[in-house]
Amino acid sequence: MIAILGGAFIAAVVGEIVIRQRVDVAKNKSYKDQYINKRHMMFEFLLIMMYLMILSTSTFTEKTLYAFLLLFMSVMFLIRAFLDFAFRKAENRHYITAMYVVICLAASVIVLAV
C-alpha cells in the first residue's frame, strides 16, 4: 500500500512539472489561493468532517480504507477542478487538478486490485 501511495505521489510531482512546462499555470501566492472563495473552503472542510464521521462509525480493512481515502480525495479534486474551470479558467489550474483526480482514481483502483 505504501508503495502505491509513494508511486502516486511521484506521479503527481512529475505530472505537475510536465504540465507547468507545457501550460502557463498561475502559482499560488498564499495557501488560500487554492480555494475559489470562502464558501468553497468551508464546503471542503464540511466534506472532510463528514468523511471522518463515516470512518469513525464504520470498521474497514486497510485496503478498503485506503481505497475510500483515495476516492474521497478524487471527489474533492473533481469539485475543485470544476470550480477552477468555471471561475478561474484563465489561470489554467484546472489542468493540474484534473491530473490529481486521475491519479487518485488510478491509485484507488490499484489498491483494490492488489
PDB file of N, CA and C in Angstrom:
ATOM      1  N   MET A   1       0.816  -1.194   0.000  1.00  0.00           N
ATOM      2  CA  MET A   1       0.000   0.000   0.000  1.00  0.00           C
ATOM      3  C   MET A   1       0.863   1.262   0.000  1.00  0.00           C
ATOM      4  N   ILE A   2       1.913   1.227   0.799  1.00  0.00           N
ATOM      5  CA  ILE A   2       2.793   2.393   0.867  1.00  0.00           C
ATOM      6  C   ILE A   2       3.475   2.617  -0.481  1.00  0.00           C
ATOM      7  N   ALA A   3       3.825   1.540  -1.167  1.00  0.00           N
ATOM      8  CA  ALA A   3       4.459   1.673  -2.480  1.00  0.00           C
ATOM      9  C   ALA A   3       3.502   2.310  -3.482  1.00  0.00           C
ATOM     10  N   ILE A   4       2.230   1.958  -3.402  1.00  0.00           N
ATOM     11  CA  ILE A   4       1.237   2.542  -4.308  1.00  0.00           C
ATOM     12  C   ILE A   4       1.076   4.032  -4.023  1.00  0.00           C
ATOM     13  N   LEU A   5       0.985   4.384  -2.746  1.00  0.00           N
ATOM     14  CA  LEU A   5       0.858   5.802  -2.392  1.00  0.00           C
ATOM     15  C   LEU A   5       2.114   6.582  -2.764  1.00  0.00           C
ATOM     16  N   GLY A   6       3.283   5.971  -2.566  1.00  0.00           N
ATOM     17  CA  GLY A   6       4.534   6.617  -2.968  1.00  0.00           C
ATOM     18  C   GLY A   6       4.607   6.811  -4.469  1.00  0.00           C
ATOM     19  N   GLY A   7       4.173   5.799  -5.220  1.00  0.00           N
ATOM     20  CA  GLY A   7       4.144   5.916  -6.678  1.00  0.00           C
ATOM     21  C   GLY A   7       3.181   6.992  -7.142  1.00  0.00           C
ATOM     22  N   ALA A   8       2.030   7.094  -6.476  1.00  0.00           N
ATOM     23  CA  ALA A   8       1.065   8.140  -6.822  1.00  0.00           C
ATOM     24  C   ALA A   8       1.639   9.522  -6.533  1.00  0.00           C
ATOM     25  N   PHE A   9       2.367   9.648  -5.421  1.00  0.00           N
ATOM     26  CA  PHE A   9       2.987  10.930  -5.080  1.00  0.00           C
ATOM     27  C   PHE A   9       4.032  11.314  -6.125  1.00  0.00           C
ATOM     28  N   ILE A  10       4.862  10.362  -6.517  1.00  0.00           N
ATOM     29  CA  ILE A  10       5.885  10.635  -7.537  1.00  0.00           C
ATOM     30  C   ILE A  10       5.226  10.990  -8.862  1.00  0.00           C
ATOM     31  N   ALA A  11       4.150  10.274  -9.224  1.00  0.00           N
ATOM     32  CA  ALA A  11       3.432  10.586 -10.462  1.00  0.00           C
ATOM     33  C   ALA A  11       2.846  11.992 -10.413  1.00  0.00           C
ATOM     34  N   ALA A  12       2.354  12.408  -9.253  1.00  0.00           N
ATOM     35  CA  ALA A  12       1.793  13.756  -9.117  1.00  0.00           C
ATOM     36  C   ALA A  12       2.870  14.818  -9.284  1.00  0.00           C
ATOM     37  N   VAL A  13       4.032  14.588  -8.689  1.00  0.00           N
ATOM     38  CA  VAL A  13       5.128  15.562  -8.796  1.00  0.00           C
ATOM     39  C   VAL A  13       5.601  15.674 -10.240  1.00  0.00           C
ATOM     40  N   VAL A  14       5.832  14.535 -10.875  1.00  0.00           N
ATOM     41  CA  VAL A  14       6.305  14.543 -12.265  1.00  0.00           C
ATOM     42  C   VAL A  14       5.237  15.133 -13.182  1.00  0.00           C
ATOM     43  N   GLY A  15       3.976  14.747 -12.973  1.00  0.00           N
ATOM     44  CA  GLY A  15       2.894  15.277 -13.798  1.00  0.00           C
ATOM     45  C   GLY A  15       2.740  16.778 -13.665  1.00  0.00           C
ATOM     46  N   GLU A  16       2.872  17.282 -12.442  1.00  0.00           N
ATOM     47  CA  GLU A  16       2.756  18.727 -12.243  1.00  0.00           C
ATOM     48  C   GLU A  16       3.902  19.466 -12.923  1.00  0.00           C
ATOM     49  N   ILE A  17       5.100  18.927 -12.858  1.00  0.00           N
ATOM     50  CA  ILE A  17       6.242  19.556 -13.532  1.00  0.00           C
ATOM     51  C   ILE A  17       6.013  19.591 -15.036  1.00  0.00           C
ATOM     52  N   VAL A  18       5.538  18.483 -15.600  1.00  0.00           N
ATOM     53  CA  VAL A  18       5.298  18.417 -17.044  1.00  0.00           C
ATOM     54  C   VAL A  18       4.200  19.396 -17.456  1.00  0.00           C
ATOM     55  N   ILE A  19       3.118  19.441 -16.700  1.00  0.00           N
ATOM     56  CA  ILE A  19       2.019  20.355 -17.041  1.00  0.00           C
ATOM     57  C   ILE A  19       2.467  21.804 -16.920  1.00  0.00           C
ATOM     58  N   ARG A  20       3.211  22.125 -15.877  1.00  0.00           N
ATOM     59  CA  ARG A  20       3.680  23.512 -15.708  1.00  0.00           C
ATOM     60  C   ARG A  20       4.649  23.920 -16.816  1.00  0.00           C
ATOM     61  N   GLN A  21       5.381  22.961 -17.410  1.00  0.00           N
ATOM     62  CA  GLN A  21       6.274  23.289 -18.522  1.00  0.00           C
ATOM     63  C   GLN A  21       5.496  23.535 -19.806  1.00  0.00           C
ATOM     64  N   ARG A  22       4.386  22.821 -19.993  1.00  0.00           N
ATOM     65  CA  ARG A  22       3.634  22.924 -21.242  1.00  0.00           C
ATOM     66  C   ARG A  22       2.558  24.004 -21.222  1.00  0.00           C
ATOM     67  N   VAL A  23       1.983  24.263 -20.052  1.00  0.00           N
ATOM     68  CA  VAL A  23       0.881  25.219 -19.931  1.00  0.00           C
ATOM     69  C   VAL A  23       1.268  26.264 -18.896  1.00  0.00           C
ATOM     70  N   ASP A  24       0.934  27.513 -19.171  1.00  0.00           N
ATOM     71  CA  ASP A  24       1.216  28.582 -18.209  1.00  0.00           C
ATOM     72  C   ASP A  24       0.181  28.522 -17.088  1.00  0.00           C
ATOM     73  N   VAL A  25       0.603  28.008 -15.931  1.00  0.00           N
ATOM     74  CA  VAL A  25      -0.284  27.842 -14.782  1.00  0.00           C
ATOM     75  C   VAL A  25       0.115  28.852 -13.713  1.00  0.00           C
ATOM     76  N   ALA A  26      -0.880  29.593 -13.221  1.00  0.00           N
ATOM     77  CA  ALA A  26      -0.610  30.578 -12.169  1.00  0.00           C
ATOM     78  C   ALA A  26      -0.248  29.868 -10.871  1.00  0.00           C
ATOM     79  N   LYS A  27       0.769  30.380 -10.186  1.00  0.00           N
ATOM     80  CA  LYS A  27       1.186  29.789  -8.912  1.00  0.00           C
ATOM     81  C   LYS A  27       0.411  30.422  -7.765  1.00  0.00           C
ATOM     82  N   ASN A  28       0.223  29.643  -6.702  1.00  0.00           N
ATOM     83  CA  ASN A  28      -0.438  30.160  -5.504  1.00  0.00           C
ATOM     84  C   ASN A  28       0.512  31.092  -4.764  1.00  0.00           C
ATOM     85  N   LYS A  29       0.022  32.277  -4.422  1.00  0.00           N
ATOM     86  CA  LYS A  29       0.838  33.205  -3.637  1.00  0.00           C
ATOM     87  C   LYS A  29       0.682  32.940  -2.154  1.00  0.00           C
ATOM     88  N   SER A  30      -0.459  32.407  -1.763  1.00  0.00           N
ATOM     89  CA  SER A  30      -0.676  32.030  -0.365  1.00  0.00           C
ATOM     90  C   SER A  30      -1.500  30.746  -0.342  1.00  0.00           C
ATOM     91  N   TYR A  31      -1.648  30.175   0.837  1.00  0.00           N
ATOM     92  CA  TYR A  31      -2.380  28.920   0.979  1.00  0.00           C
ATOM     93  C   TYR A  31      -3.835  29.051   0.534  1.00  0.00           C
ATOM     94  N   LYS A  32      -4.449  30.194   0.783  1.00  0.00           N
ATOM     95  CA  LYS A  32      -5.862  30.380   0.459  1.00  0.00           C
ATOM     96  C   LYS A  32      -6.115  30.547  -1.031  1.00  0.00           C
ATOM     97  N   ASP A  33      -5.084  30.714  -1.838  1.00  0.00           N
ATOM     98  CA  ASP A  33      -5.266  30.883  -3.275  1.00  0.00           C
ATOM     99  C   ASP A  33      -5.781  29.623  -3.951  1.00  0.00           C
ATOM    100  N   GLN A  34      -5.662  28.473  -3.305  1.00  0.00           N
ATOM    101  CA  GLN A  34      -6.135  27.245  -3.924  1.00  0.00           C
ATOM    102  C   GLN A  34      -7.660  27.123  -3.860  1.00  0.00           C
ATOM    103  N   TYR A  35      -8.308  27.936  -3.044  1.00  0.00           N
ATOM    104  CA  TYR A  35      -9.762  27.910  -2.927  1.00  0.00           C
ATOM    105  C   TYR A  35     -10.362  29.030  -3.761  1.00  0.00           C
ATOM    106  N   ILE A  36     -11.550  28.783  -4.310  1.00  0.00           N
ATOM    107  CA  ILE A  36     -12.225  29.785  -5.126  1.00  0.00           C
ATOM    108  C   ILE A  36     -12.684  30.951  -4.253  1.00  0.00           C
ATOM    109  N   ASN A  37     -13.344  30.626  -3.157  1.00  0.00           N
ATOM    110  CA  ASN A  37     -13.792  31.643  -2.203  1.00  0.00           C
ATOM    111  C   ASN A  37     -13.973  30.974  -0.843  1.00  0.00           C
ATOM    112  N   LYS A  38     -14.474  31.724   0.126  1.00  0.00           N
ATOM    113  CA  LYS A  38     -14.616  31.168   1.482  1.00  0.00           C
ATOM    114  C   LYS A  38     -15.659  30.059   1.537  1.00  0.00           C
ATOM    115  N   ARG A  39     -16.702  30.150   0.717  1.00  0.00           N
ATOM    116  CA  ARG A  39     -17.707  29.080   0.696  1.00  0.00           C
ATOM    117  C   ARG A  39     -17.094  27.772   0.222  1.00  0.00           C
ATOM    118  N   HIS A  40     -16.232  27.841  -0.777  1.00  0.00           N
ATOM    119  CA  HIS A  40     -15.557  26.640  -1.261  1.00  0.00           C
ATOM    120  C   HIS A  40     -14.695  26.030  -0.164  1.00  0.00           C
ATOM    121  N   MET A  41     -13.976  26.865   0.563  1.00  0.00           N
ATOM    122  CA  MET A  41     -13.128  26.376   1.648  1.00  0.00           C
ATOM    123  C   MET A  41     -13.981  25.724   2.741  1.00  0.00           C
ATOM    124  N   MET A  42     -15.086  26.343   3.115  1.00  0.00           N
ATOM    125  CA  MET A  42     -15.960  25.767   4.140  1.00  0.00           C
ATOM    126  C   MET A  42     -16.603  24.470   3.655  1.00  0.00           C
ATOM    127  N   PHE A  43     -16.940  24.415   2.368  1.00  0.00           N
ATOM    128  CA  PHE A  43     -17.522  23.197   1.802  1.00  0.00           C
ATOM    129  C   PHE A  43     -16.532  22.037   1.881  1.00  0.00           C
ATOM    130  N   GLU A  44     -15.268  22.299   1.573  1.00  0.00           N
ATOM    131  CA  GLU A  44     -14.260  21.245   1.678  1.00  0.00           C
ATOM    132  C   GLU A  44     -14.067  20.808   3.123  1.00  0.00           C
ATOM    133  N   PHE A  45     -14.057  21.738   4.058  1.00  0.00           N
ATOM    134  CA  PHE A  45     -13.950  21.358   5.472  1.00  0.00           C
ATOM    135  C   PHE A  45     -15.148  20.519   5.904  1.00  0.00           C
ATOM    136  N   LEU A  46     -16.353  20.884   5.433  1.00  0.00           N
ATOM    137  CA  LEU A  46     -17.547  20.110   5.758  1.00  0.00           C
ATOM    138  C   LEU A  46     -17.449  18.691   5.199  1.00  0.00           C
ATOM    139  N   LEU A  47     -16.990  18.560   3.962  1.00  0.00           N
ATOM    140  CA  LEU A  47     -16.822  17.228   3.375  1.00  0.00           C
ATOM    141  C   LEU A  47     -15.807  16.396   4.149  1.00  0.00           C
ATOM    142  N   ILE A  48     -14.737  17.014   4.580  1.00  0.00           N
ATOM    143  CA  ILE A  48     -13.729  16.293   5.362  1.00  0.00           C
ATOM    144  C   ILE A  48     -14.325  15.819   6.683  1.00  0.00           C
ATOM    145  N   MET A  49     -15.095  16.653   7.339  1.00  0.00           N
ATOM    146  CA  MET A  49     -15.720  16.260   8.603  1.00  0.00           C
ATOM    147  C   MET A  49     -16.708  15.115   8.397  1.00  0.00           C
ATOM    148  N   MET A  50     -17.482  15.172   7.315  1.00  0.00           N
ATOM    149  CA  MET A  50     -18.414  14.083   7.022  1.00  0.00           C
ATOM    150  C   MET A  50     -17.661  12.784   6.761  1.00  0.00           C
ATOM    151  N   TYR A  51     -16.564  12.872   6.030  1.00  0.00           N
ATOM    152  CA  TYR A  51     -15.753  11.690   5.744  1.00  0.00           C
ATOM    153  C   TYR A  51     -15.200  11.096   7.036  1.00  0.00           C
ATOM    154  N   LEU A  52     -14.706  11.938   7.924  1.00  0.00           N
ATOM    155  CA  LEU A  52     -14.172  11.444   9.197  1.00  0.00           C
ATOM    156  C   LEU A  52     -15.265  10.826  10.065  1.00  0.00           C
ATOM    157  N   MET A  53     -16.485  11.363  10.010  1.00  0.00           N
ATOM    158  CA  MET A  53     -17.585  10.760  10.766  1.00  0.00           C
ATOM    159  C   MET A  53     -17.926   9.377  10.226  1.00  0.00           C
ATOM    160  N   ILE A  54     -17.912   9.225   8.910  1.00  0.00           N
ATOM    161  CA  ILE A  54     -18.178   7.910   8.314  1.00  0.00           C
ATOM    162  C   ILE A  54     -17.110   6.918   8.744  1.00  0.00           C
ATOM    163  N   LEU A  55     -15.854   7.338   8.723  1.00  0.00           N
ATOM    164  CA  LEU A  55     -14.772   6.438   9.122  1.00  0.00           C
ATOM    165  C   LEU A  55     -14.843   6.072  10.594  1.00  0.00           C
ATOM    166  N   SER A  56     -15.264   7.005  11.425  1.00  0.00           N
ATOM    167  CA  SER A  56     -15.287   6.726  12.861  1.00  0.00           C
ATOM    168  C   SER A  56     -16.427   5.797  13.256  1.00  0.00           C
ATOM    169  N   THR A  57     -17.474   5.721  12.443  1.00  0.00           N
ATOM    170  CA  THR A  57     -18.602   4.854  12.780  1.00  0.00           C
ATOM    171  C   THR A  57     -18.521   3.486  12.130  1.00  0.00           C
ATOM    172  N   SER A  58     -17.616   3.294  11.191  1.00  0.00           N
ATOM    173  CA  SER A  58     -17.515   2.025  10.474  1.00  0.00           C
ATOM    174  C   SER A  58     -16.131   1.429  10.652  1.00  0.00           C
ATOM    175  N   THR A  59     -16.073   0.132  10.494  1.00  0.00           N
ATOM    176  CA  THR A  59     -14.772  -0.541  10.524  1.00  0.00           C
ATOM    177  C   THR A  59     -14.479  -1.075   9.130  1.00  0.00           C
ATOM    178  N   PHE A  60     -13.310  -0.777   8.638  1.00  0.00           N
ATOM    179  CA  PHE A  60     -12.901  -1.190   7.306  1.00  0.00           C
ATOM    180  C   PHE A  60     -11.576  -1.929   7.394  1.00  0.00           C
ATOM    181  N   THR A  61     -11.305  -2.714   6.374  1.00  0.00           N
ATOM    182  CA  THR A  61      -9.971  -3.298   6.261  1.00  0.00           C
ATOM    183  C   THR A  61      -9.022  -2.216   5.775  1.00  0.00           C
ATOM    184  N   GLU A  62      -7.737  -2.495   5.867  1.00  0.00           N
ATOM    185  CA  GLU A  62      -6.751  -1.492   5.446  1.00  0.00           C
ATOM    186  C   GLU A  62      -6.896  -1.167   3.965  1.00  0.00           C
ATOM    187  N   LYS A  63      -7.121  -2.183   3.156  1.00  0.00           N
ATOM    188  CA  LYS A  63      -7.267  -1.986   1.714  1.00  0.00           C
ATOM    189  C   LYS A  63      -8.473  -1.093   1.403  1.00  0.00           C
ATOM    190  N   THR A  64      -9.590  -1.366   2.030  1.00  0.00           N
ATOM    191  CA  THR A  64     -10.798  -0.575   1.797  1.00  0.00           C
ATOM    192  C   THR A  64     -10.631   0.848   2.312  1.00  0.00           C
ATOM    193  N   LEU A  65      -9.959   0.997   3.424  1.00  0.00           N
ATOM    194  CA  LEU A  65      -9.732   2.327   3.991  1.00  0.00           C
ATOM    195  C   LEU A  65      -8.909   3.197   3.042  1.00  0.00           C
ATOM    196  N   TYR A  66      -7.823   2.639   2.491  1.00  0.00           N
ATOM    197  CA  TYR A  66      -7.015   3.392   1.530  1.00  0.00           C
ATOM    198  C   TYR A  66      -7.809   3.699   0.263  1.00  0.00           C
ATOM    199  N   ALA A  67      -8.598   2.738  -0.209  1.00  0.00           N
ATOM    200  CA  ALA A  67      -9.392   2.968  -1.418  1.00  0.00           C
ATOM    201  C   ALA A  67     -10.406   4.083  -1.191  1.00  0.00           C
ATOM    202  N   PHE A  68     -11.096   4.066  -0.036  1.00  0.00           N
ATOM    203  CA  PHE A  68     -12.050   5.133   0.267  1.00  0.00           C
ATOM    204  C   PHE A  68     -11.356   6.481   0.407  1.00  0.00           C
ATOM    205  N   LEU A  69     -10.195   6.495   1.013  1.00  0.00           N
ATOM    206  CA  LEU A  69      -9.449   7.743   1.157  1.00  0.00           C
ATOM    207  C   LEU A  69      -9.096   8.321  -0.210  1.00  0.00           C
ATOM    208  N   LEU A  70      -8.611   7.488  -1.107  1.00  0.00           N
ATOM    209  CA  LEU A  70      -8.246   7.965  -2.443  1.00  0.00           C
ATOM    210  C   LEU A  70      -9.482   8.377  -3.246  1.00  0.00           C
ATOM    211  N   LEU A  71     -10.582   7.651  -3.092  1.00  0.00           N
ATOM    212  CA  LEU A  71     -11.819   8.055  -3.767  1.00  0.00           C
ATOM    213  C   LEU A  71     -12.327   9.390  -3.234  1.00  0.00           C
ATOM    214  N   PHE A  72     -12.255   9.572  -1.933  1.00  0.00           N
ATOM    215  CA  PHE A  72     -12.664  10.842  -1.334  1.00  0.00           C
ATOM    216  C   PHE A  72     -11.795  11.985  -1.858  1.00  0.00           C
ATOM    217  N   MET A  73     -10.494  11.753  -1.918  1.00  0.00           N
ATOM    218  CA  MET A  73      -9.601  12.796  -2.437  1.00  0.00           C
ATOM    219  C   MET A  73      -9.910  13.102  -3.896  1.00  0.00           C
ATOM    220  N   SER A  74     -10.256  12.087  -4.680  1.00  0.00           N
ATOM    221  CA  SER A  74     -10.581  12.341  -6.083  1.00  0.00           C
ATOM    222  C   SER A  74     -11.865  13.157  -6.209  1.00  0.00           C
ATOM    223  N   VAL A  75     -12.844  12.917  -5.335  1.00  0.00           N
ATOM    224  CA  VAL A  75     -14.068  13.727  -5.355  1.00  0.00           C
ATOM    225  C   VAL A  75     -13.749  15.174  -4.988  1.00  0.00           C
ATOM    226  N   MET A  76     -12.906  15.360  -3.977  1.00  0.00           N
ATOM    227  CA  MET A  76     -12.514  16.721  -3.590  1.00  0.00           C
ATOM    228  C   MET A  76     -11.808  17.436  -4.748  1.00  0.00           C
ATOM    229  N   PHE A  77     -10.885  16.735  -5.399  1.00  0.00           N
ATOM    230  CA  PHE A  77     -10.171  17.347  -6.522  1.00  0.00           C
ATOM    231  C   PHE A  77     -11.095  17.563  -7.717  1.00  0.00           C
ATOM    232  N   LEU A  78     -12.077  16.689  -7.913  1.00  0.00           N
ATOM    233  CA  LEU A  78     -13.022  16.862  -9.011  1.00  0.00           C
ATOM    234  C   LEU A  78     -13.853  18.128  -8.813  1.00  0.00           C
ATOM    235  N   ILE A  79     -14.310  18.354  -7.594  1.00  0.00           N
ATOM    236  CA  ILE A  79     -15.057  19.582  -7.289  1.00  0.00           C
ATOM    237  C   ILE A  79     -14.171  20.803  -7.505  1.00  0.00           C
ATOM    238  N   ARG A  80     -12.934  20.713  -7.047  1.00  0.00           N
ATOM    239  CA  ARG A  80     -12.011  21.841  -7.209  1.00  0.00           C
ATOM    240  C   ARG A  80     -11.704  22.091  -8.689  1.00  0.00           C
ATOM    241  N   ALA A  81     -11.548  21.023  -9.479  1.00  0.00           N
ATOM    242  CA  ALA A  81     -11.279  21.186 -10.913  1.00  0.00           C
ATOM    243  C   ALA A  81     -12.456  21.863 -11.605  1.00  0.00           C
ATOM    244  N   PHE A  82     -13.671  21.447 -11.253  1.00  0.00           N
ATOM    245  CA  PHE A  82     -14.849  22.074 -11.845  1.00  0.00           C
ATOM    246  C   PHE A  82     -14.921  23.556 -11.490  1.00  0.00           C
ATOM    247  N   LEU A  83     -14.698  23.878 -10.220  1.00  0.00           N
ATOM    248  CA  LEU A  83     -14.758  25.284  -9.803  1.00  0.00           C
ATOM    249  C   LEU A  83     -13.630  26.102 -10.429  1.00  0.00           C
ATOM    250  N   ASP A  84     -12.433  25.512 -10.527  1.00  0.00           N
ATOM    251  CA  ASP A  84     -11.331  26.214 -11.194  1.00  0.00           C
ATOM    252  C   ASP A  84     -11.662  26.473 -12.656  1.00  0.00           C
ATOM    253  N   PHE A  85     -12.245  25.479 -13.326  1.00  0.00           N
ATOM    254  CA  PHE A  85     -12.592  25.645 -14.731  1.00  0.00           C
ATOM    255  C   PHE A  85     -13.695  26.681 -14.903  1.00  0.00           C
ATOM    256  N   ALA A  86     -14.669  26.669 -14.009  1.00  0.00           N
ATOM    257  CA  ALA A  86     -15.807  27.580 -14.143  1.00  0.00           C
ATOM    258  C   ALA A  86     -15.459  29.023 -13.788  1.00  0.00           C
ATOM    259  N   PHE A  87     -14.636  29.216 -12.756  1.00  0.00           N
ATOM    260  CA  PHE A  87     -14.418  30.573 -12.253  1.00  0.00           C
ATOM    261  C   PHE A  87     -13.030  31.143 -12.550  1.00  0.00           C
ATOM    262  N   ARG A  88     -12.034  30.286 -12.733  1.00  0.00           N
ATOM    263  CA  ARG A  88     -10.671  30.789 -12.961  1.00  0.00           C
ATOM    264  C   ARG A  88     -10.017  30.077 -14.142  1.00  0.00           C
ATOM    265  N   LYS A  89     -10.724  30.031 -15.238  1.00  0.00           N
ATOM    266  CA  LYS A  89     -10.237  29.308 -16.412  1.00  0.00           C
ATOM    267  C   LYS A  89      -8.944  29.907 -16.951  1.00  0.00           C
ATOM    268  N   ALA A  90      -8.776  31.203 -16.846  1.00  0.00           N
ATOM    269  CA  ALA A  90      -7.597  31.871 -17.400  1.00  0.00           C
ATOM    270  C   ALA A  90      -6.312  31.485 -16.676  1.00  0.00           C
ATOM    271  N   GLU A  91      -6.419  31.058 -15.408  1.00  0.00           N
ATOM    272  CA  GLU A  91      -5.218  30.707 -14.649  1.00  0.00           C
ATOM    273  C   GLU A  91      -4.739  29.281 -14.918  1.00  0.00           C
ATOM    274  N   ASN A  92      -5.542  28.491 -15.622  1.00  0.00           N
ATOM    275  CA  ASN A  92      -5.187  27.126 -16.053  1.00  0.00           C
ATOM    276  C   ASN A  92      -4.875  26.169 -14.910  1.00  0.00           C
ATOM    277  N   ARG A  93      -5.403  26.409 -13.731  1.00  0.00           N
ATOM    278  CA  ARG A  93      -5.149  25.494 -12.614  1.00  0.00           C
ATOM    279  C   ARG A  93      -5.944  24.202 -12.739  1.00  0.00           C
ATOM    280  N   HIS A  94      -7.006  24.213 -13.548  1.00  0.00           N
ATOM    281  CA  HIS A  94      -7.846  23.027 -13.668  1.00  0.00           C
ATOM    282  C   HIS A  94      -7.102  21.861 -14.314  1.00  0.00           C
ATOM    283  N   TYR A  95      -6.056  22.129 -15.093  1.00  0.00           N
ATOM    284  CA  TYR A  95      -5.269  21.038 -15.683  1.00  0.00           C
ATOM    285  C   TYR A  95      -4.578  20.213 -14.598  1.00  0.00           C
ATOM    286  N   ILE A  96      -3.958  20.885 -13.670  1.00  0.00           N
ATOM    287  CA  ILE A  96      -3.246  20.186 -12.594  1.00  0.00           C
ATOM    288  C   ILE A  96      -4.237  19.466 -11.692  1.00  0.00           C
ATOM    289  N   THR A  97      -5.351  20.102 -11.377  1.00  0.00           N
ATOM    290  CA  THR A  97      -6.339  19.474 -10.508  1.00  0.00           C
ATOM    291  C   THR A  97      -6.956  18.252 -11.176  1.00  0.00           C
ATOM    292  N   ALA A  98      -7.209  18.320 -12.476  1.00  0.00           N
ATOM    293  CA  ALA A  98      -7.737  17.157 -13.195  1.00  0.00           C
ATOM    294  C   ALA A  98      -6.728  16.010 -13.191  1.00  0.00           C
ATOM    295  N   MET A  99      -5.438  16.341 -13.268  1.00  0.00           N
ATOM    296  CA  MET A  99      -4.413  15.297 -13.186  1.00  0.00           C
ATOM    297  C   MET A  99      -4.462  14.613 -11.826  1.00  0.00           C
ATOM    298  N   TYR A 100      -4.676  15.380 -10.756  1.00  0.00           N
ATOM    299  CA  TYR A 100      -4.789  14.790  -9.417  1.00  0.00           C
ATOM    300  C   TYR A 100      -5.997  13.859  -9.320  1.00  0.00           C
ATOM    301  N   VAL A 101      -7.099  14.209  -9.977  1.00  0.00           N
ATOM    302  CA  VAL A 101      -8.281  13.339  -9.985  1.00  0.00           C
ATOM    303  C   VAL A 101      -7.935  11.998 -10.614  1.00  0.00           C
ATOM    304  N   VAL A 102      -7.279  12.036 -11.756  1.00  0.00           N
ATOM    305  CA  VAL A 102      -6.915  10.800 -12.458  1.00  0.00           C
ATOM    306  C   VAL A 102      -5.957   9.962 -11.624  1.00  0.00           C
ATOM    307  N   ILE A 103      -4.972  10.588 -11.007  1.00  0.00           N
ATOM    308  CA  ILE A 103      -4.004   9.842 -10.189  1.00  0.00           C
ATOM    309  C   ILE A 103      -4.692   9.201  -8.990  1.00  0.00           C
ATOM    310  N   CYS A 104      -5.577   9.925  -8.322  1.00  0.00           N
ATOM    311  CA  CYS A 104      -6.284   9.361  -7.160  1.00  0.00           C
ATOM    312  C   CYS A 104      -7.191   8.207  -7.567  1.00  0.00           C
ATOM    313  N   LEU A 105      -7.896   8.345  -8.687  1.00  0.00           N
ATOM    314  CA  LEU A 105      -8.753   7.253  -9.141  1.00  0.00           C
ATOM    315  C   LEU A 105      -7.935   6.029  -9.531  1.00  0.00           C
ATOM    316  N   ALA A 106      -6.833   6.246 -10.237  1.00  0.00           N
ATOM    317  CA  ALA A 106      -5.980   5.121 -10.631  1.00  0.00           C
ATOM    318  C   ALA A 106      -5.385   4.427  -9.410  1.00  0.00           C
ATOM    319  N   ALA A 107      -4.924   5.198  -8.447  1.00  0.00           N
ATOM    320  CA  ALA A 107      -4.356   4.599  -7.235  1.00  0.00           C
ATOM    321  C   ALA A 107      -5.419   3.843  -6.451  1.00  0.00           C
ATOM    322  N   SER A 108      -6.641   4.348  -6.427  1.00  0.00           N
ATOM    323  CA  SER A 108      -7.723   3.653  -5.729  1.00  0.00           C
ATOM    324  C   SER A 108      -8.026   2.310  -6.382  1.00  0.00           C
ATOM    325  N   VAL A 109      -8.064   2.289  -7.700  1.00  0.00           N
ATOM    326  CA  VAL A 109      -8.304   1.031  -8.417  1.00  0.00           C
ATOM    327  C   VAL A 109      -7.161   0.052  -8.182  1.00  0.00           C
ATOM    328  N   ILE A 110      -5.934   0.543  -8.199  1.00  0.00           N
ATOM    329  CA  ILE A 110      -4.777  -0.328  -7.965  1.00  0.00           C
ATOM    330  C   ILE A 110      -4.804  -0.892  -6.548  1.00  0.00           C
ATOM    331  N   VAL A 111      -5.169  -0.065  -5.576  1.00  0.00           N
ATOM    332  CA  VAL A 111      -5.245  -0.546  -4.185  1.00  0.00           C
ATOM    333  C   VAL A 111      -6.280  -1.660  -4.062  1.00  0.00           C
ATOM    334  N   LEU A 112      -7.428  -1.499  -4.707  1.00  0.00           N
ATOM    335  CA  LEU A 112      -8.459  -2.534  -4.635  1.00  0.00           C
ATOM    336  C   LEU A 112      -8.060  -3.794  -5.397  1.00  0.00           C
ATOM    337  N   ALA A 113      -7.271  -3.636  -6.459  1.00  0.00           N
ATOM    338  CA  ALA A 113      -6.871  -4.793  -7.268  1.00  0.00           C
ATOM    339  C   ALA A 113      -5.762  -5.612  -6.619  1.00  0.00           C
ATOM    340  N   VAL A 114      -4.962  -4.976  -5.791  1.00  0.00           N
ATOM    341  CA  VAL A 114      -3.814  -5.682  -5.186  1.00  0.00           C
ATOM    342  C   VAL A 114      -4.245  -6.492  -4.002  1.00  0.00           C
TER     343      VAL A 114
END
